[in-house]
Amino acid sequence: DQHTPRVIESLRGVRAVAASGGLNHSLVLSAAGEVYSFGAGDGGQIGHDPDSLFVPSRDWHQPQQEVTERLQLTPRVIDSLQGVRVVAVAAGAYHSLLLSEAQHVYSFGGGGATRRSSSRGRTSRFT
């Protein structure tokens, strides 16, 4: 737990222009249009392959609970967005939304209703 504001060291050198926080995940947009995400990713809300995420041990988290979450502990660029320049980010409780320069909306994370989104008659799908 972090109770006072501090610089995220792994984002030093990144010119951040926007940030958004969900229930247990965060998004940071760079001036170059790249999206960095981190936090809980078990519902797909951070846009990374679940197999690439950290799975905490029972002792690391809460010993009395079964561990089901997968974490990205430091901000990481969402690789599947290569070639897409993002201009806005929004993090909901369990999902994320991105707006591209081409005015496509990308949605990912928990819930079937947020899996697809439409922009200007086109459907973009992010998996």
C-alpha atoms as a PDB file:
ATOM      1  CA  ASP A   1       0.000   0.000   0.000  1.00  0.00           C
ATOM      2  CA  GLN A   2       1.212   3.474  -0.900  1.00  0.00           C
ATOM      3  CA  HIS A   3      -0.270   6.264   1.222  1.00  0.00           C
ATOM      4  CA  THR A   4       1.624   9.254  -0.177  1.00  0.00           C
ATOM      5  CA  PRO A   5       2.047  10.314  -3.817  1.00  0.00           C
ATOM      6  CA  ARG A   6       5.315   9.346  -5.450  1.00  0.00           C
ATOM      7  CA  VAL A   7       6.767   9.181  -8.939  1.00  0.00           C
ATOM      8  CA  ILE A   8       6.424   5.820 -10.674  1.00  0.00           C
ATOM      9  CA  GLU A   9      10.090   5.167 -11.373  1.00  0.00           C
ATOM     10  CA  SER A  10       9.479   2.804 -14.290  1.00  0.00           C
ATOM     11  CA  LEU A  11       7.689   5.658 -16.120  1.00  0.00           C
ATOM     12  CA  ARG A  12      10.582   8.118 -15.795  1.00  0.00           C
ATOM     13  CA  GLY A  13      11.445   9.258 -19.282  1.00  0.00           C
ATOM     14  CA  VAL A  14       7.891   8.630 -20.530  1.00  0.00           C
ATOM     15  CA  ARG A  15       6.048  11.851 -21.358  1.00  0.00           C
ATOM     16  CA  ALA A  16       2.649  11.033 -19.876  1.00  0.00           C
ATOM     17  CA  VAL A  17      -0.336  13.040 -21.114  1.00  0.00           C
ATOM     18  CA  ALA A  18      -3.190  11.192 -19.388  1.00  0.00           C
ATOM     19  CA  ALA A  19      -3.832   8.567 -16.730  1.00  0.00           C
ATOM     20  CA  SER A  20      -6.868   6.685 -15.494  1.00  0.00           C
ATOM     21  CA  GLY A  21      -7.439   4.255 -12.641  1.00  0.00           C
ATOM     22  CA  GLY A  22      -9.936   1.413 -12.323  1.00  0.00           C
ATOM     23  CA  LEU A  23     -10.737  -0.642  -9.258  1.00  0.00           C
ATOM     24  CA  ASN A  24      -7.382  -2.482  -9.271  1.00  0.00           C
ATOM     25  CA  HIS A  25      -5.666  -1.369 -12.478  1.00  0.00           C
ATOM     26  CA  SER A  26      -4.257   1.775 -14.053  1.00  0.00           C
ATOM     27  CA  LEU A  27      -3.633   3.109 -17.554  1.00  0.00           C
ATOM     28  CA  VAL A  28      -1.113   5.757 -18.608  1.00  0.00           C
ATOM     29  CA  LEU A  29      -1.109   7.377 -22.060  1.00  0.00           C
ATOM     30  CA  SER A  30       2.177   8.652 -23.461  1.00  0.00           C
ATOM     31  CA  ALA A  31       2.592  11.617 -25.800  1.00  0.00           C
ATOM     32  CA  ALA A  32       3.635   9.080 -28.455  1.00  0.00           C
ATOM     33  CA  GLY A  33       0.203   7.426 -28.245  1.00  0.00           C
ATOM     34  CA  GLU A  34       1.366   4.320 -26.395  1.00  0.00           C
ATOM     35  CA  VAL A  35      -0.670   2.901 -23.514  1.00  0.00           C
ATOM     36  CA  TYR A  36       1.054   1.571 -20.403  1.00  0.00           C
ATOM     37  CA  SER A  37      -1.036  -0.590 -18.087  1.00  0.00           C
ATOM     38  CA  PHE A  38      -0.483  -2.218 -14.724  1.00  0.00           C
ATOM     39  CA  GLY A  39      -2.302  -3.742 -11.780  1.00  0.00           C
ATOM     40  CA  ALA A  40      -4.756  -6.640 -11.704  1.00  0.00           C
ATOM     41  CA  GLY A  41      -5.214  -8.274 -15.077  1.00  0.00           C
ATOM     42  CA  ASP A  42      -7.189 -11.417 -14.330  1.00  0.00           C
ATOM     43  CA  GLY A  43     -10.230 -10.057 -16.204  1.00  0.00           C
ATOM     44  CA  GLY A  44      -8.293  -8.837 -19.232  1.00  0.00           C
ATOM     45  CA  GLN A  45      -8.620  -5.188 -18.200  1.00  0.00           C
ATOM     46  CA  ILE A  46      -4.917  -4.394 -18.686  1.00  0.00           C
ATOM     47  CA  GLY A  47      -4.659  -5.852 -22.185  1.00  0.00           C
ATOM     48  CA  HIS A  48      -1.773  -8.258 -21.565  1.00  0.00           C
ATOM     49  CA  ASP A  49      -1.625 -12.006 -22.147  1.00  0.00           C
ATOM     50  CA  PRO A  50      -2.671 -13.558 -18.805  1.00  0.00           C
ATOM     51  CA  ASP A  51       0.170 -16.090 -19.066  1.00  0.00           C
ATOM     52  CA  SER A  52       2.688 -13.227 -18.938  1.00  0.00           C
ATOM     53  CA  LEU A  53       1.385 -11.877 -15.627  1.00  0.00           C
ATOM     54  CA  PHE A  54       2.638 -12.472 -12.092  1.00  0.00           C
ATOM     55  CA  VAL A  55       0.589 -14.898 -10.012  1.00  0.00           C
ATOM     56  CA  PRO A  56       1.204 -14.181  -6.322  1.00  0.00           C
ATOM     57  CA  SER A  57       1.693 -17.002  -3.875  1.00  0.00           C
ATOM     58  CA  ARG A  58      -0.761 -17.538  -1.056  1.00  0.00           C
ATOM     59  CA  ASP A  59       1.743 -16.097   1.434  1.00  0.00           C
ATOM     60  CA  TRP A  60       2.327 -12.974  -0.676  1.00  0.00           C
ATOM     61  CA  HIS A  61      -1.336 -12.007  -0.800  1.00  0.00           C
ATOM     62  CA  GLN A  62      -3.806 -13.111   1.861  1.00  0.00           C
ATOM     63  CA  PRO A  63      -3.085 -16.617   3.199  1.00  0.00           C
ATOM     64  CA  GLN A  64      -6.715 -17.368   3.977  1.00  0.00           C
ATOM     65  CA  GLN A  65      -7.899 -16.766   0.388  1.00  0.00           C
ATOM     66  CA  GLU A  66      -7.350 -18.731  -2.799  1.00  0.00           C
ATOM     67  CA  VAL A  67      -5.181 -16.720  -5.169  1.00  0.00           C
ATOM     68  CA  THR A  68      -6.895 -16.108  -8.481  1.00  0.00           C
ATOM     69  CA  GLU A  69      -5.599 -12.729  -9.576  1.00  0.00           C
ATOM     70  CA  ARG A  70      -2.840 -12.115 -12.067  1.00  0.00           C
ATOM     71  CA  LEU A  71      -0.801  -8.944 -11.756  1.00  0.00           C
ATOM     72  CA  GLN A  72       1.366  -6.670 -13.864  1.00  0.00           C
ATOM     73  CA  LEU A  73       3.455  -5.061 -11.131  1.00  0.00           C
ATOM     74  CA  THR A  74       5.085  -2.319 -13.229  1.00  0.00           C
ATOM     75  CA  PRO A  75       3.664  -0.280 -16.114  1.00  0.00           C
ATOM     76  CA  ARG A  76       4.075  -2.084 -19.440  1.00  0.00           C
ATOM     77  CA  VAL A  77       3.158  -1.056 -22.995  1.00  0.00           C
ATOM     78  CA  ILE A  78       0.188  -2.981 -24.397  1.00  0.00           C
ATOM     79  CA  ASP A  79       1.979  -4.811 -27.220  1.00  0.00           C
ATOM     80  CA  SER A  80      -1.140  -5.742 -29.179  1.00  0.00           C
ATOM     81  CA  LEU A  81      -1.734  -2.051 -29.889  1.00  0.00           C
ATOM     82  CA  GLN A  82       1.411  -1.664 -32.013  1.00  0.00           C
ATOM     83  CA  GLY A  83       0.663   0.663 -34.901  1.00  0.00           C
ATOM     84  CA  VAL A  84      -2.363   2.185 -33.136  1.00  0.00           C
ATOM     85  CA  ARG A  85      -1.945   5.749 -31.894  1.00  0.00           C
ATOM     86  CA  VAL A  86      -4.153   6.172 -28.829  1.00  0.00           C
ATOM     87  CA  VAL A  87      -5.393   9.646 -27.861  1.00  0.00           C
ATOM     88  CA  ALA A  88      -7.534   8.938 -24.772  1.00  0.00           C
ATOM     89  CA  VAL A  89      -7.767   6.284 -22.036  1.00  0.00           C
ATOM     90  CA  ALA A  90     -10.435   5.422 -19.470  1.00  0.00           C
ATOM     91  CA  ALA A  91     -10.378   2.708 -16.817  1.00  0.00           C
ATOM     92  CA  GLY A  92     -13.625   1.351 -15.392  1.00  0.00           C
ATOM     93  CA  ALA A  93     -13.858  -0.942 -12.407  1.00  0.00           C
ATOM     94  CA  TYR A  94     -13.097  -4.102 -14.425  1.00  0.00           C
ATOM     95  CA  HIS A  95     -12.637  -2.902 -18.002  1.00  0.00           C
ATOM     96  CA  SER A  96     -10.738  -0.332 -20.042  1.00  0.00           C
ATOM     97  CA  LEU A  97     -11.588   1.892 -22.996  1.00  0.00           C
ATOM     98  CA  LEU A  98      -9.196   3.503 -25.453  1.00  0.00           C
ATOM     99  CA  LEU A  99      -9.841   6.016 -28.235  1.00  0.00           C
ATOM    100  CA  SER A 100      -7.499   5.890 -31.214  1.00  0.00           C
ATOM    101  CA  GLU A 101      -6.443   8.768 -33.426  1.00  0.00           C
ATOM    102  CA  ALA A 102      -8.469   7.064 -36.185  1.00  0.00           C
ATOM    103  CA  GLN A 103     -11.525   7.451 -33.898  1.00  0.00           C
ATOM    104  CA  HIS A 104     -11.883   3.740 -33.158  1.00  0.00           C
ATOM    105  CA  VAL A 105     -12.904   2.756 -29.651  1.00  0.00           C
ATOM    106  CA  TYR A 106     -11.168  -0.262 -28.106  1.00  0.00           C
ATOM    107  CA  SER A 107     -12.737  -2.028 -25.143  1.00  0.00           C
ATOM    108  CA  PHE A 108     -11.281  -4.853 -23.066  1.00  0.00           C
ATOM    109  CA  GLY A 109     -11.771  -6.443 -19.707  1.00  0.00           C
ATOM    110  CA  GLY A 110     -14.581  -7.890 -17.632  1.00  0.00           C
ATOM    111  CA  GLY A 111     -18.064  -8.295 -18.972  1.00  0.00           C
ATOM    112  CA  GLY A 112     -19.540  -9.305 -22.310  1.00  0.00           C
ATOM    113  CA  ALA A 113     -21.236  -5.928 -22.779  1.00  0.00           C
ATOM    114  CA  THR A 114     -17.875  -4.167 -22.894  1.00  0.00           C
ATOM    115  CA  ARG A 115     -16.154  -6.559 -25.291  1.00  0.00           C
ATOM    116  CA  ARG A 116     -17.219  -4.809 -28.472  1.00  0.00           C
ATOM    117  CA  SER A 117     -17.630  -1.189 -29.281  1.00  0.00           C
ATOM    118  CA  SER A 118     -18.624   0.670 -32.369  1.00  0.00           C
ATOM    119  CA  SER A 119     -17.282   3.889 -33.802  1.00  0.00           C
ATOM    120  CA  ARG A 120     -18.476   5.439 -37.030  1.00  0.00           C
ATOM    121  CA  GLY A 121     -20.160   2.265 -38.151  1.00  0.00           C
ATOM    122  CA  ARG A 122     -17.094   0.068 -37.595  1.00  0.00           C
ATOM    123  CA  THR A 123     -16.669  -2.484 -34.872  1.00  0.00           C
ATOM    124  CA  SER A 124     -13.262  -2.815 -33.298  1.00  0.00           C
ATOM    125  CA  ARG A 125     -12.564  -5.887 -31.251  1.00  0.00           C
ATOM    126  CA  PHE A 126      -9.763  -6.167 -28.733  1.00  0.00           C
ATOM    127  CA  THR A 127      -8.879  -9.573 -27.356  1.00  0.00           C
END
